[in-house]
ModelCIF file with pLDDT and N, C-alpha, C, O atoms, coordinates in Angstrom:
data_MODEL
#
_entry.id   MODEL 
#
_entity.id                         1 
_entity.type                       polymer 
_entity.pdbx_number_of_molecules   1 
#
_entity_poly.entity_id                      1 
_entity_poly.type                           'polypeptide(L)' 
_entity_poly.nstd_linkage                   no 
_entity_poly.nstd_monomer                   no 
_entity_poly.pdbx_seq_one_letter_code       SAAEAAACGGRIVAGAATDQLTGVPDTLDEVVTAYAEQVAFVQDCGAT 
_entity_poly.pdbx_seq_one_letter_code_can   SAAEAAACGGRIVAGAATDQLTGVPDTLDEVVTAYAEQVAFVQDCGAT 
_entity_poly.pdbx_strand_id                 A 
#
loop_
_entity_poly_seq.entity_id 
_entity_poly_seq.num 
_entity_poly_seq.mon_id 
_entity_poly_seq.hetero 
1 1  SER n 
1 2  ALA n 
1 3  ALA n 
1 4  GLU n 
1 5  ALA n 
1 6  ALA n 
1 7  ALA n 
1 8  CYS n 
1 9  GLY n 
1 10 GLY n 
1 11 ARG n 
1 12 ILE n 
1 13 VAL n 
1 14 ALA n 
1 15 GLY n 
1 16 ALA n 
1 17 ALA n 
1 18 THR n 
1 19 ASP n 
1 20 GLN n 
1 21 LEU n 
1 22 THR n 
1 23 GLY n 
1 24 VAL n 
1 25 PRO n 
1 26 ASP n 
1 27 THR n 
1 28 LEU n 
1 29 ASP n 
1 30 GLU n 
1 31 VAL n 
1 32 VAL n 
1 33 THR n 
1 34 ALA n 
1 35 TYR n 
1 36 ALA n 
1 37 GLU n 
1 38 GLN n 
1 39 VAL n 
1 40 ALA n 
1 41 PHE n 
1 42 VAL n 
1 43 GLN n 
1 44 ASP n 
1 45 CYS n 
1 46 GLY n 
1 47 ALA n 
1 48 THR n 
#
_struct_asym.id          A 
_struct_asym.entity_id   1 
#
loop_
_ma_qa_metric.id 
_ma_qa_metric.mode 
_ma_qa_metric.name 
_ma_qa_metric.software_group_id 
_ma_qa_metric.type 
1 global pLDDT . pLDDT 
2 local  pLDDT . pLDDT 
#
_ma_qa_metric_global.metric_id      1 
_ma_qa_metric_global.metric_value   97.42 
_ma_qa_metric_global.model_id       1 
_ma_qa_metric_global.ordinal_id     1 
#
loop_
_ma_qa_metric_local.label_asym_id 
_ma_qa_metric_local.label_comp_id 
_ma_qa_metric_local.label_seq_id 
_ma_qa_metric_local.metric_id 
_ma_qa_metric_local.metric_value 
_ma_qa_metric_local.model_id 
_ma_qa_metric_local.ordinal_id 
A SER 1  2 98.00 1 1  
A ALA 2  2 98.00 1 2  
A ALA 3  2 98.00 1 3  
A GLU 4  2 98.00 1 4  
A ALA 5  2 98.00 1 5  
A ALA 6  2 98.00 1 6  
A ALA 7  2 98.00 1 7  
A CYS 8  2 96.00 1 8  
A GLY 9  2 97.00 1 9  
A GLY 10 2 98.00 1 10 
A ARG 11 2 98.00 1 11 
A ILE 12 2 98.00 1 12 
A VAL 13 2 99.00 1 13 
A ALA 14 2 99.00 1 14 
A GLY 15 2 98.00 1 15 
A ALA 16 2 98.00 1 16 
A ALA 17 2 98.00 1 17 
A THR 18 2 98.00 1 18 
A ASP 19 2 97.00 1 19 
A GLN 20 2 98.00 1 20 
A LEU 21 2 97.00 1 21 
A THR 22 2 88.00 1 22 
A GLY 23 2 89.00 1 23 
A VAL 24 2 94.00 1 24 
A PRO 25 2 97.00 1 25 
A ASP 26 2 97.00 1 26 
A THR 27 2 98.00 1 27 
A LEU 28 2 98.00 1 28 
A ASP 29 2 98.00 1 29 
A GLU 30 2 98.00 1 30 
A VAL 31 2 98.00 1 31 
A VAL 32 2 98.00 1 32 
A THR 33 2 98.00 1 33 
A ALA 34 2 98.00 1 34 
A TYR 35 2 98.00 1 35 
A ALA 36 2 98.00 1 36 
A GLU 37 2 98.00 1 37 
A GLN 38 2 98.00 1 38 
A VAL 39 2 98.00 1 39 
A ALA 40 2 98.00 1 40 
A PHE 41 2 98.00 1 41 
A VAL 42 2 98.00 1 42 
A GLN 43 2 98.00 1 43 
A ASP 44 2 98.00 1 44 
A CYS 45 2 98.00 1 45 
A GLY 46 2 98.00 1 46 
A ALA 47 2 98.00 1 47 
A THR 48 2 98.00 1 48 
#
loop_
_atom_site.group_PDB 
_atom_site.id 
_atom_site.type_symbol 
_atom_site.label_atom_id 
_atom_site.label_alt_id 
_atom_site.label_comp_id 
_atom_site.label_asym_id 
_atom_site.label_entity_id 
_atom_site.label_seq_id 
_atom_site.pdbx_PDB_ins_code 
_atom_site.Cartn_x 
_atom_site.Cartn_y 
_atom_site.Cartn_z 
_atom_site.occupancy 
_atom_site.B_iso_or_equiv 
_atom_site.pdbx_formal_charge 
_atom_site.auth_seq_id 
_atom_site.auth_comp_id 
_atom_site.auth_asym_id 
_atom_site.auth_atom_id 
_atom_site.pdbx_PDB_model_num 
ATOM 1   N N  . SER A 1 1  ? -0.419 1.518   -5.628  1.00 98.00 ? 1  SER A N  1 
ATOM 2   C CA . SER A 1 1  ? 0.539  0.487   -6.048  1.00 98.00 ? 1  SER A CA 1 
ATOM 3   C C  . SER A 1 1  ? 0.311  -0.827  -5.316  1.00 98.00 ? 1  SER A C  1 
ATOM 4   O O  . SER A 1 1  ? 0.421  -1.900  -5.909  1.00 98.00 ? 1  SER A O  1 
ATOM 5   N N  . ALA A 1 2  ? -0.003 -0.747  -4.037  1.00 98.00 ? 2  ALA A N  1 
ATOM 6   C CA . ALA A 1 2  ? -0.279 -1.969  -3.284  1.00 98.00 ? 2  ALA A CA 1 
ATOM 7   C C  . ALA A 1 2  ? -1.510 -2.672  -3.836  1.00 98.00 ? 2  ALA A C  1 
ATOM 8   O O  . ALA A 1 2  ? -1.545 -3.901  -3.897  1.00 98.00 ? 2  ALA A O  1 
ATOM 9   N N  . ALA A 1 3  ? -2.515 -1.913  -4.236  1.00 98.00 ? 3  ALA A N  1 
ATOM 10  C CA . ALA A 1 3  ? -3.709 -2.513  -4.831  1.00 98.00 ? 3  ALA A CA 1 
ATOM 11  C C  . ALA A 1 3  ? -3.374 -3.172  -6.170  1.00 98.00 ? 3  ALA A C  1 
ATOM 12  O O  . ALA A 1 3  ? -3.868 -4.260  -6.466  1.00 98.00 ? 3  ALA A O  1 
ATOM 13  N N  . GLU A 1 4  ? -2.540 -2.519  -6.976  1.00 98.00 ? 4  GLU A N  1 
ATOM 14  C CA . GLU A 1 4  ? -2.111 -3.111  -8.244  1.00 98.00 ? 4  GLU A CA 1 
ATOM 15  C C  . GLU A 1 4  ? -1.323 -4.391  -8.008  1.00 98.00 ? 4  GLU A C  1 
ATOM 16  O O  . GLU A 1 4  ? -1.492 -5.374  -8.729  1.00 98.00 ? 4  GLU A O  1 
ATOM 17  N N  . ALA A 1 5  ? -0.456 -4.375  -6.991  1.00 98.00 ? 5  ALA A N  1 
ATOM 18  C CA . ALA A 1 5  ? 0.346  -5.564  -6.676  1.00 98.00 ? 5  ALA A CA 1 
ATOM 19  C C  . ALA A 1 5  ? -0.557 -6.727  -6.284  1.00 98.00 ? 5  ALA A C  1 
ATOM 20  O O  . ALA A 1 5  ? -0.342 -7.861  -6.713  1.00 98.00 ? 5  ALA A O  1 
ATOM 21  N N  . ALA A 1 6  ? -1.563 -6.445  -5.471  1.00 98.00 ? 6  ALA A N  1 
ATOM 22  C CA . ALA A 1 6  ? -2.482 -7.499  -5.048  1.00 98.00 ? 6  ALA A CA 1 
ATOM 23  C C  . ALA A 1 6  ? -3.251 -8.065  -6.235  1.00 98.00 ? 6  ALA A C  1 
ATOM 24  O O  . ALA A 1 6  ? -3.534 -9.262  -6.291  1.00 98.00 ? 6  ALA A O  1 
ATOM 25  N N  . ALA A 1 7  ? -3.584 -7.198  -7.179  1.00 98.00 ? 7  ALA A N  1 
ATOM 26  C CA . ALA A 1 7  ? -4.371 -7.632  -8.328  1.00 98.00 ? 7  ALA A CA 1 
ATOM 27  C C  . ALA A 1 7  ? -3.577 -8.537  -9.266  1.00 98.00 ? 7  ALA A C  1 
ATOM 28  O O  . ALA A 1 7  ? -4.142 -9.440  -9.884  1.00 98.00 ? 7  ALA A O  1 
ATOM 29  N N  . CYS A 1 8  ? -2.279 -8.301  -9.373  1.00 96.00 ? 8  CYS A N  1 
ATOM 30  C CA . CYS A 1 8  ? -1.475 -9.083  -10.319 1.00 96.00 ? 8  CYS A CA 1 
ATOM 31  C C  . CYS A 1 8  ? -0.554 -10.084 -9.632  1.00 96.00 ? 8  CYS A C  1 
ATOM 32  O O  . CYS A 1 8  ? 0.185  -10.806 -10.302 1.00 96.00 ? 8  CYS A O  1 
ATOM 33  N N  . GLY A 1 9  ? -0.591 -10.133 -8.304  1.00 97.00 ? 9  GLY A N  1 
ATOM 34  C CA . GLY A 1 9  ? 0.281  -11.058 -7.590  1.00 97.00 ? 9  GLY A CA 1 
ATOM 35  C C  . GLY A 1 9  ? 1.727  -10.622 -7.544  1.00 97.00 ? 9  GLY A C  1 
ATOM 36  O O  . GLY A 1 9  ? 2.617  -11.454 -7.368  1.00 97.00 ? 9  GLY A O  1 
ATOM 37  N N  . GLY A 1 10 ? 1.984  -9.324  -7.701  1.00 98.00 ? 10 GLY A N  1 
ATOM 38  C CA . GLY A 1 10 ? 3.343  -8.810  -7.694  1.00 98.00 ? 10 GLY A CA 1 
ATOM 39  C C  . GLY A 1 10 ? 3.861  -8.579  -6.292  1.00 98.00 ? 10 GLY A C  1 
ATOM 40  O O  . GLY A 1 10 ? 3.100  -8.281  -5.370  1.00 98.00 ? 10 GLY A O  1 
ATOM 41  N N  . ARG A 1 11 ? 5.158  -8.721  -6.145  1.00 98.00 ? 11 ARG A N  1 
ATOM 42  C CA . ARG A 1 11 ? 5.796  -8.467  -4.857  1.00 98.00 ? 11 ARG A CA 1 
ATOM 43  C C  . ARG A 1 11 ? 5.991  -6.957  -4.677  1.00 98.00 ? 11 ARG A C  1 
ATOM 44  O O  . ARG A 1 11 ? 6.349  -6.257  -5.624  1.00 98.00 ? 11 ARG A O  1 
ATOM 45  N N  . ILE A 1 12 ? 5.751  -6.455  -3.446  1.00 98.00 ? 12 ILE A N  1 
ATOM 46  C CA . ILE A 1 12 ? 5.900  -5.020  -3.210  1.00 98.00 ? 12 ILE A CA 1 
ATOM 47  C C  . ILE A 1 12 ? 6.389  -4.744  -1.798  1.00 98.00 ? 12 ILE A C  1 
ATOM 48  O O  . ILE A 1 12 ? 5.936  -5.362  -0.834  1.00 98.00 ? 12 ILE A O  1 
ATOM 49  N N  . VAL A 1 13 ? 7.312  -3.813  -1.692  1.00 99.00 ? 13 VAL A N  1 
ATOM 50  C CA . VAL A 1 13 ? 7.686  -3.188  -0.426  1.00 99.00 ? 13 VAL A CA 1 
ATOM 51  C C  . VAL A 1 13 ? 7.527  -1.692  -0.623  1.00 99.00 ? 13 VAL A C  1 
ATOM 52  O O  . VAL A 1 13 ? 7.510  -1.215  -1.758  1.00 99.00 ? 13 VAL A O  1 
ATOM 53  N N  . ALA A 1 14 ? 7.412  -0.949  0.464   1.00 99.00 ? 14 ALA A N  1 
ATOM 54  C CA . ALA A 1 14 ? 7.207  0.498   0.333   1.00 99.00 ? 14 ALA A CA 1 
ATOM 55  C C  . ALA A 1 14 ? 7.902  1.238   1.466   1.00 99.00 ? 14 ALA A C  1 
ATOM 56  O O  . ALA A 1 14 ? 7.981  0.749   2.593   1.00 99.00 ? 14 ALA A O  1 
ATOM 57  N N  . GLY A 1 15 ? 8.400  2.415   1.147   1.00 98.00 ? 15 GLY A N  1 
ATOM 58  C CA . GLY A 1 15 ? 9.169  3.195   2.093   1.00 98.00 ? 15 GLY A CA 1 
ATOM 59  C C  . GLY A 1 15 ? 8.324  3.851   3.168   1.00 98.00 ? 15 GLY A C  1 
ATOM 60  O O  . GLY A 1 15 ? 7.276  4.434   2.894   1.00 98.00 ? 15 GLY A O  1 
ATOM 61  N N  . ALA A 1 16 ? 8.808  3.740   4.407   1.00 98.00 ? 16 ALA A N  1 
ATOM 62  C CA . ALA A 1 16 ? 8.207  4.435   5.550   1.00 98.00 ? 16 ALA A CA 1 
ATOM 63  C C  . ALA A 1 16 ? 9.282  5.328   6.143   1.00 98.00 ? 16 ALA A C  1 
ATOM 64  O O  . ALA A 1 16 ? 10.348 4.851   6.532   1.00 98.00 ? 16 ALA A O  1 
ATOM 65  N N  . ALA A 1 17 ? 9.006  6.611   6.212   1.00 98.00 ? 17 ALA A N  1 
ATOM 66  C CA . ALA A 1 17 ? 10.002 7.568   6.691   1.00 98.00 ? 17 ALA A CA 1 
ATOM 67  C C  . ALA A 1 17 ? 9.361  8.498   7.717   1.00 98.00 ? 17 ALA A C  1 
ATOM 68  O O  . ALA A 1 17 ? 8.422  8.110   8.413   1.00 98.00 ? 17 ALA A O  1 
ATOM 69  N N  . THR A 1 18 ? 9.867  9.716   7.806   1.00 98.00 ? 18 THR A N  1 
ATOM 70  C CA . THR A 1 18 ? 9.311  10.690  8.749   1.00 98.00 ? 18 THR A CA 1 
ATOM 71  C C  . THR A 1 18 ? 9.075  12.027  8.050   1.00 98.00 ? 18 THR A C  1 
ATOM 72  O O  . THR A 1 18 ? 9.068  13.078  8.690   1.00 98.00 ? 18 THR A O  1 
ATOM 73  N N  . ASP A 1 19 ? 8.882  11.978  6.725   1.00 97.00 ? 19 ASP A N  1 
ATOM 74  C CA . ASP A 1 19 ? 8.826  13.208  5.951   1.00 97.00 ? 19 ASP A CA 1 
ATOM 75  C C  . ASP A 1 19 ? 7.489  13.925  6.016   1.00 97.00 ? 19 ASP A C  1 
ATOM 76  O O  . ASP A 1 19 ? 7.301  14.925  5.322   1.00 97.00 ? 19 ASP A O  1 
ATOM 77  N N  . GLN A 1 20 ? 6.543  13.442  6.838   1.00 98.00 ? 20 GLN A N  1 
ATOM 78  C CA . GLN A 1 20 ? 5.344  14.242  7.102   1.00 98.00 ? 20 GLN A CA 1 
ATOM 79  C C  . GLN A 1 20 ? 5.653  15.359  8.099   1.00 98.00 ? 20 GLN A C  1 
ATOM 80  O O  . GLN A 1 20 ? 4.866  16.294  8.248   1.00 98.00 ? 20 GLN A O  1 
ATOM 81  N N  . LEU A 1 21 ? 6.793  15.262  8.779   1.00 97.00 ? 21 LEU A N  1 
ATOM 82  C CA . LEU A 1 21 ? 7.227  16.325  9.684   1.00 97.00 ? 21 LEU A CA 1 
ATOM 83  C C  . LEU A 1 21 ? 7.808  17.481  8.878   1.00 97.00 ? 21 LEU A C  1 
ATOM 84  O O  . LEU A 1 21 ? 8.451  17.272  7.850   1.00 97.00 ? 21 LEU A O  1 
ATOM 85  N N  . THR A 1 22 ? 7.576  18.687  9.351   1.00 88.00 ? 22 THR A N  1 
ATOM 86  C CA . THR A 1 22 ? 8.151  19.866  8.704   1.00 88.00 ? 22 THR A CA 1 
ATOM 87  C C  . THR A 1 22 ? 9.222  20.446  9.610   1.00 88.00 ? 22 THR A C  1 
ATOM 88  O O  . THR A 1 22 ? 8.982  20.698  10.791  1.00 88.00 ? 22 THR A O  1 
ATOM 89  N N  . GLY A 1 23 ? 10.391 20.652  9.055   1.00 89.00 ? 23 GLY A N  1 
ATOM 90  C CA . GLY A 1 23 ? 11.482 21.179  9.853   1.00 89.00 ? 23 GLY A CA 1 
ATOM 91  C C  . GLY A 1 23 ? 12.033 20.125  10.803  1.00 89.00 ? 23 GLY A C  1 
ATOM 92  O O  . GLY A 1 23 ? 11.700 18.944  10.705  1.00 89.00 ? 23 GLY A O  1 
ATOM 93  N N  . VAL A 1 24 ? 12.878 20.570  11.718  1.00 94.00 ? 24 VAL A N  1 
ATOM 94  C CA . VAL A 1 24 ? 13.476 19.669  12.702  1.00 94.00 ? 24 VAL A CA 1 
ATOM 95  C C  . VAL A 1 24 ? 12.560 19.585  13.914  1.00 94.00 ? 24 VAL A C  1 
ATOM 96  O O  . VAL A 1 24 ? 12.231 20.614  14.503  1.00 94.00 ? 24 VAL A O  1 
ATOM 97  N N  . PRO A 1 25 ? 12.141 18.387  14.301  1.00 97.00 ? 25 PRO A N  1 
ATOM 98  C CA . PRO A 1 25 ? 11.239 18.261  15.455  1.00 97.00 ? 25 PRO A CA 1 
ATOM 99  C C  . PRO A 1 25 ? 11.942 18.635  16.749  1.00 97.00 ? 25 PRO A C  1 
ATOM 100 O O  . PRO A 1 25 ? 13.167 18.748  16.791  1.00 97.00 ? 25 PRO A O  1 
ATOM 101 N N  . ASP A 1 26 ? 11.173 18.822  17.784  1.00 97.00 ? 26 ASP A N  1 
ATOM 102 C CA . ASP A 1 26 ? 11.733 19.193  19.081  1.00 97.00 ? 26 ASP A CA 1 
ATOM 103 C C  . ASP A 1 26 ? 12.236 17.987  19.858  1.00 97.00 ? 26 ASP A C  1 
ATOM 104 O O  . ASP A 1 26 ? 13.178 18.099  20.643  1.00 97.00 ? 26 ASP A O  1 
ATOM 105 N N  . THR A 1 27 ? 11.610 16.830  19.641  1.00 98.00 ? 27 THR A N  1 
ATOM 106 C CA . THR A 1 27 ? 11.952 15.661  20.446  1.00 98.00 ? 27 THR A CA 1 
ATOM 107 C C  . THR A 1 27 ? 12.062 14.407  19.587  1.00 98.00 ? 27 THR A C  1 
ATOM 108 O O  . THR A 1 27 ? 11.510 14.336  18.489  1.00 98.00 ? 27 THR A O  1 
ATOM 109 N N  . LEU A 1 28 ? 12.790 13.415  20.114  1.00 98.00 ? 28 LEU A N  1 
ATOM 110 C CA . LEU A 1 28 ? 12.881 12.122  19.447  1.00 98.00 ? 28 LEU A CA 1 
ATOM 111 C C  . LEU A 1 28 ? 11.533 11.417  19.417  1.00 98.00 ? 28 LEU A C  1 
ATOM 112 O O  . LEU A 1 28 ? 11.269 10.638  18.501  1.00 98.00 ? 28 LEU A O  1 
ATOM 113 N N  . ASP A 1 29 ? 10.686 11.673  20.388  1.00 98.00 ? 29 ASP A N  1 
ATOM 114 C CA . ASP A 1 29 ? 9.367  11.046  20.416  1.00 98.00 ? 29 ASP A CA 1 
ATOM 115 C C  . ASP A 1 29 ? 8.559  11.404  19.171  1.00 98.00 ? 29 ASP A C  1 
ATOM 116 O O  . ASP A 1 29 ? 7.789  10.584  18.671  1.00 98.00 ? 29 ASP A O  1 
ATOM 117 N N  . GLU A 1 30 ? 8.732  12.626  18.673  1.00 98.00 ? 30 GLU A N  1 
ATOM 118 C CA . GLU A 1 30 ? 8.032  13.020  17.457  1.00 98.00 ? 30 GLU A CA 1 
ATOM 119 C C  . GLU A 1 30 ? 8.500  12.197  16.259  1.00 98.00 ? 30 GLU A C  1 
ATOM 120 O O  . GLU A 1 30 ? 7.708  11.853  15.381  1.00 98.00 ? 30 GLU A O  1 
ATOM 121 N N  . VAL A 1 31 ? 9.785  11.890  16.234  1.00 98.00 ? 31 VAL A N  1 
ATOM 122 C CA . VAL A 1 31 ? 10.322 11.057  15.165  1.00 98.00 ? 31 VAL A CA 1 
ATOM 123 C C  . VAL A 1 31 ? 9.739  9.647   15.261  1.00 98.00 ? 31 VAL A C  1 
ATOM 124 O O  . VAL A 1 31 ? 9.343  9.064   14.252  1.00 98.00 ? 31 VAL A O  1 
ATOM 125 N N  . VAL A 1 32 ? 9.689  9.107   16.470  1.00 98.00 ? 32 VAL A N  1 
ATOM 126 C CA . VAL A 1 32 ? 9.114  7.780   16.678  1.00 98.00 ? 32 VAL A CA 1 
ATOM 127 C C  . VAL A 1 32 ? 7.672  7.742   16.207  1.00 98.00 ? 32 VAL A C  1 
ATOM 128 O O  . VAL A 1 32 ? 7.265  6.811   15.513  1.00 98.00 ? 32 VAL A O  1 
ATOM 129 N N  . THR A 1 33 ? 6.905  8.745   16.582  1.00 98.00 ? 33 THR A N  1 
ATOM 130 C CA . THR A 1 33 ? 5.490  8.804   16.205  1.00 98.00 ? 33 THR A CA 1 
ATOM 131 C C  . THR A 1 33 ? 5.331  8.885   14.688  1.00 98.00 ? 33 THR A C  1 
ATOM 132 O O  . THR A 1 33 ? 4.459  8.232   14.116  1.00 98.00 ? 33 THR A O  1 
ATOM 133 N N  . ALA A 1 34 ? 6.170  9.682   14.043  1.00 98.00 ? 34 ALA A N  1 
ATOM 134 C CA . ALA A 1 34 ? 6.100  9.814   12.582  1.00 98.00 ? 34 ALA A CA 1 
ATOM 135 C C  . ALA A 1 34 ? 6.440  8.496   11.901  1.00 98.00 ? 34 ALA A C  1 
ATOM 136 O O  . ALA A 1 34 ? 5.745  8.072   10.978  1.00 98.00 ? 34 ALA A O  1 
ATOM 137 N N  . TYR A 1 35 ? 7.506  7.851   12.352  1.00 98.00 ? 35 TYR A N  1 
ATOM 138 C CA . TYR A 1 35 ? 7.857  6.539   11.802  1.00 98.00 ? 35 TYR A CA 1 
ATOM 139 C C  . TYR A 1 35 ? 6.697  5.556   11.987  1.00 98.00 ? 35 TYR A C  1 
ATOM 140 O O  . TYR A 1 35 ? 6.299  4.870   11.046  1.00 98.00 ? 35 TYR A O  1 
ATOM 141 N N  . ALA A 1 36 ? 6.170  5.496   13.191  1.00 98.00 ? 36 ALA A N  1 
ATOM 142 C CA . ALA A 1 36 ? 5.105  4.529   13.496  1.00 98.00 ? 36 ALA A CA 1 
ATOM 143 C C  . ALA A 1 36 ? 3.896  4.750   12.598  1.00 98.00 ? 36 ALA A C  1 
ATOM 144 O O  . ALA A 1 36 ? 3.285  3.791   12.128  1.00 98.00 ? 36 ALA A O  1 
ATOM 145 N N  . GLU A 1 37 ? 3.551  6.006   12.360  1.00 98.00 ? 37 GLU A N  1 
ATOM 146 C CA . GLU A 1 37 ? 2.411  6.315   11.488  1.00 98.00 ? 37 GLU A CA 1 
ATOM 147 C C  . GLU A 1 37 ? 2.645  5.764   10.083  1.00 98.00 ? 37 GLU A C  1 
ATOM 148 O O  . GLU A 1 37 ? 1.757  5.144   9.499   1.00 98.00 ? 37 GLU A O  1 
ATOM 149 N N  . GLN A 1 38 ? 3.832  5.989   9.547   1.00 98.00 ? 38 GLN A N  1 
ATOM 150 C CA . GLN A 1 38 ? 4.087  5.565   8.176   1.00 98.00 ? 38 GLN A CA 1 
ATOM 151 C C  . GLN A 1 38 ? 4.230  4.053   8.061   1.00 98.00 ? 38 GLN A C  1 
ATOM 152 O O  . GLN A 1 38 ? 3.742  3.460   7.099   1.00 98.00 ? 38 GLN A O  1 
ATOM 153 N N  . VAL A 1 39 ? 4.898  3.417   9.035   1.00 98.00 ? 39 VAL A N  1 
ATOM 154 C CA . VAL A 1 39 ? 5.013  1.956   9.006   1.00 98.00 ? 39 VAL A CA 1 
ATOM 155 C C  . VAL A 1 39 ? 3.620  1.326   9.045   1.00 98.00 ? 39 VAL A C  1 
ATOM 156 O O  . VAL A 1 39 ? 3.335  0.404   8.281   1.00 98.00 ? 39 VAL A O  1 
ATOM 157 N N  . ALA A 1 40 ? 2.762  1.818   9.924   1.00 98.00 ? 40 ALA A N  1 
ATOM 158 C CA . ALA A 1 40 ? 1.404  1.286   10.032  1.00 98.00 ? 40 ALA A CA 1 
ATOM 159 C C  . ALA A 1 40 ? 0.635  1.495   8.735   1.00 98.00 ? 40 ALA A C  1 
ATOM 160 O O  . ALA A 1 40 ? -0.111 0.616   8.304   1.00 98.00 ? 40 ALA A O  1 
ATOM 161 N N  . PHE A 1 41 ? 0.816  2.661   8.108   1.00 98.00 ? 41 PHE A N  1 
ATOM 162 C CA . PHE A 1 41 ? 0.111  2.925   6.851   1.00 98.00 ? 41 PHE A CA 1 
ATOM 163 C C  . PHE A 1 41 ? 0.537  1.942   5.770   1.00 98.00 ? 41 PHE A C  1 
ATOM 164 O O  . PHE A 1 41 ? -0.306 1.372   5.077   1.00 98.00 ? 41 PHE A O  1 
ATOM 165 N N  . VAL A 1 42 ? 1.844  1.742   5.626   1.00 98.00 ? 42 VAL A N  1 
ATOM 166 C CA . VAL A 1 42 ? 2.360  0.815   4.606   1.00 98.00 ? 42 VAL A CA 1 
ATOM 167 C C  . VAL A 1 42 ? 1.814  -0.590  4.853   1.00 98.00 ? 42 VAL A C  1 
ATOM 168 O O  . VAL A 1 42 ? 1.338  -1.247  3.928   1.00 98.00 ? 42 VAL A O  1 
ATOM 169 N N  . GLN A 1 43 ? 1.883  -1.042  6.093   1.00 98.00 ? 43 GLN A N  1 
ATOM 170 C CA . GLN A 1 43 ? 1.431  -2.393  6.402   1.00 98.00 ? 43 GLN A CA 1 
ATOM 171 C C  . GLN A 1 43 ? -0.071 -2.546  6.222   1.00 98.00 ? 43 GLN A C  1 
ATOM 172 O O  . GLN A 1 43 ? -0.534 -3.594  5.773   1.00 98.00 ? 43 GLN A O  1 
ATOM 173 N N  . ASP A 1 44 ? -0.839 -1.517  6.565   1.00 98.00 ? 44 ASP A N  1 
ATOM 174 C CA . ASP A 1 44 ? -2.283 -1.566  6.374   1.00 98.00 ? 44 ASP A CA 1 
ATOM 175 C C  . ASP A 1 44 ? -2.648 -1.652  4.889   1.00 98.00 ? 44 ASP A C  1 
ATOM 176 O O  . ASP A 1 44 ? -3.694 -2.193  4.530   1.00 98.00 ? 44 ASP A O  1 
ATOM 177 N N  . CYS A 1 45 ? -1.774 -1.113  4.030   1.00 98.00 ? 45 CYS A N  1 
ATOM 178 C CA . CYS A 1 45 ? -2.017 -1.185  2.586   1.00 98.00 ? 45 CYS A CA 1 
ATOM 179 C C  . CYS A 1 45 ? -1.644 -2.542  2.007   1.00 98.00 ? 45 CYS A C  1 
ATOM 180 O O  . CYS A 1 45 ? -1.954 -2.832  0.852   1.00 98.00 ? 45 CYS A O  1 
ATOM 181 N N  . GLY A 1 46 ? -0.980 -3.375  2.804   1.00 98.00 ? 46 GLY A N  1 
ATOM 182 C CA . GLY A 1 46 ? -0.624 -4.712  2.343   1.00 98.00 ? 46 GLY A CA 1 
ATOM 183 C C  . GLY A 1 46 ? 0.786  -4.858  1.823   1.00 98.00 ? 46 GLY A C  1 
ATOM 184 O O  . GLY A 1 46 ? 1.111  -5.873  1.207   1.00 98.00 ? 46 GLY A O  1 
ATOM 185 N N  . ALA A 1 47 ? 1.641  -3.863  2.057   1.00 98.00 ? 47 ALA A N  1 
ATOM 186 C CA . ALA A 1 47 ? 3.034  -3.927  1.609   1.00 98.00 ? 47 ALA A CA 1 
ATOM 187 C C  . ALA A 1 47 ? 3.956  -4.142  2.800   1.00 98.00 ? 47 ALA A C  1 
ATOM 188 O O  . ALA A 1 47 ? 3.586  -3.874  3.943   1.00 98.00 ? 47 ALA A O  1 
ATOM 189 N N  . THR A 1 48 ? 5.147  -4.624  2.523   1.00 98.00 ? 48 THR A N  1 
ATOM 190 C CA . THR A 1 48 ? 6.190  -4.703  3.533   1.00 98.00 ? 48 THR A CA 1 
ATOM 191 C C  . THR A 1 48 ? 6.835  -3.327  3.682   1.00 98.00 ? 48 THR A C  1 
ATOM 192 O O  . THR A 1 48 ? 7.749  -3.158  4.489   1.00 98.00 ? 48 THR A O  1 
#
């Protein structure tokens, strides 16, 4: 979708969550790491 947006000049934002985790994590640090991974992925793709 980010590639399509770039091709047509469309505005795009994309969700970053922690749903790559399975079950309830043991620590808050795991949540931080999961969020950081997804935020970085979205931004690297060119979306907000």
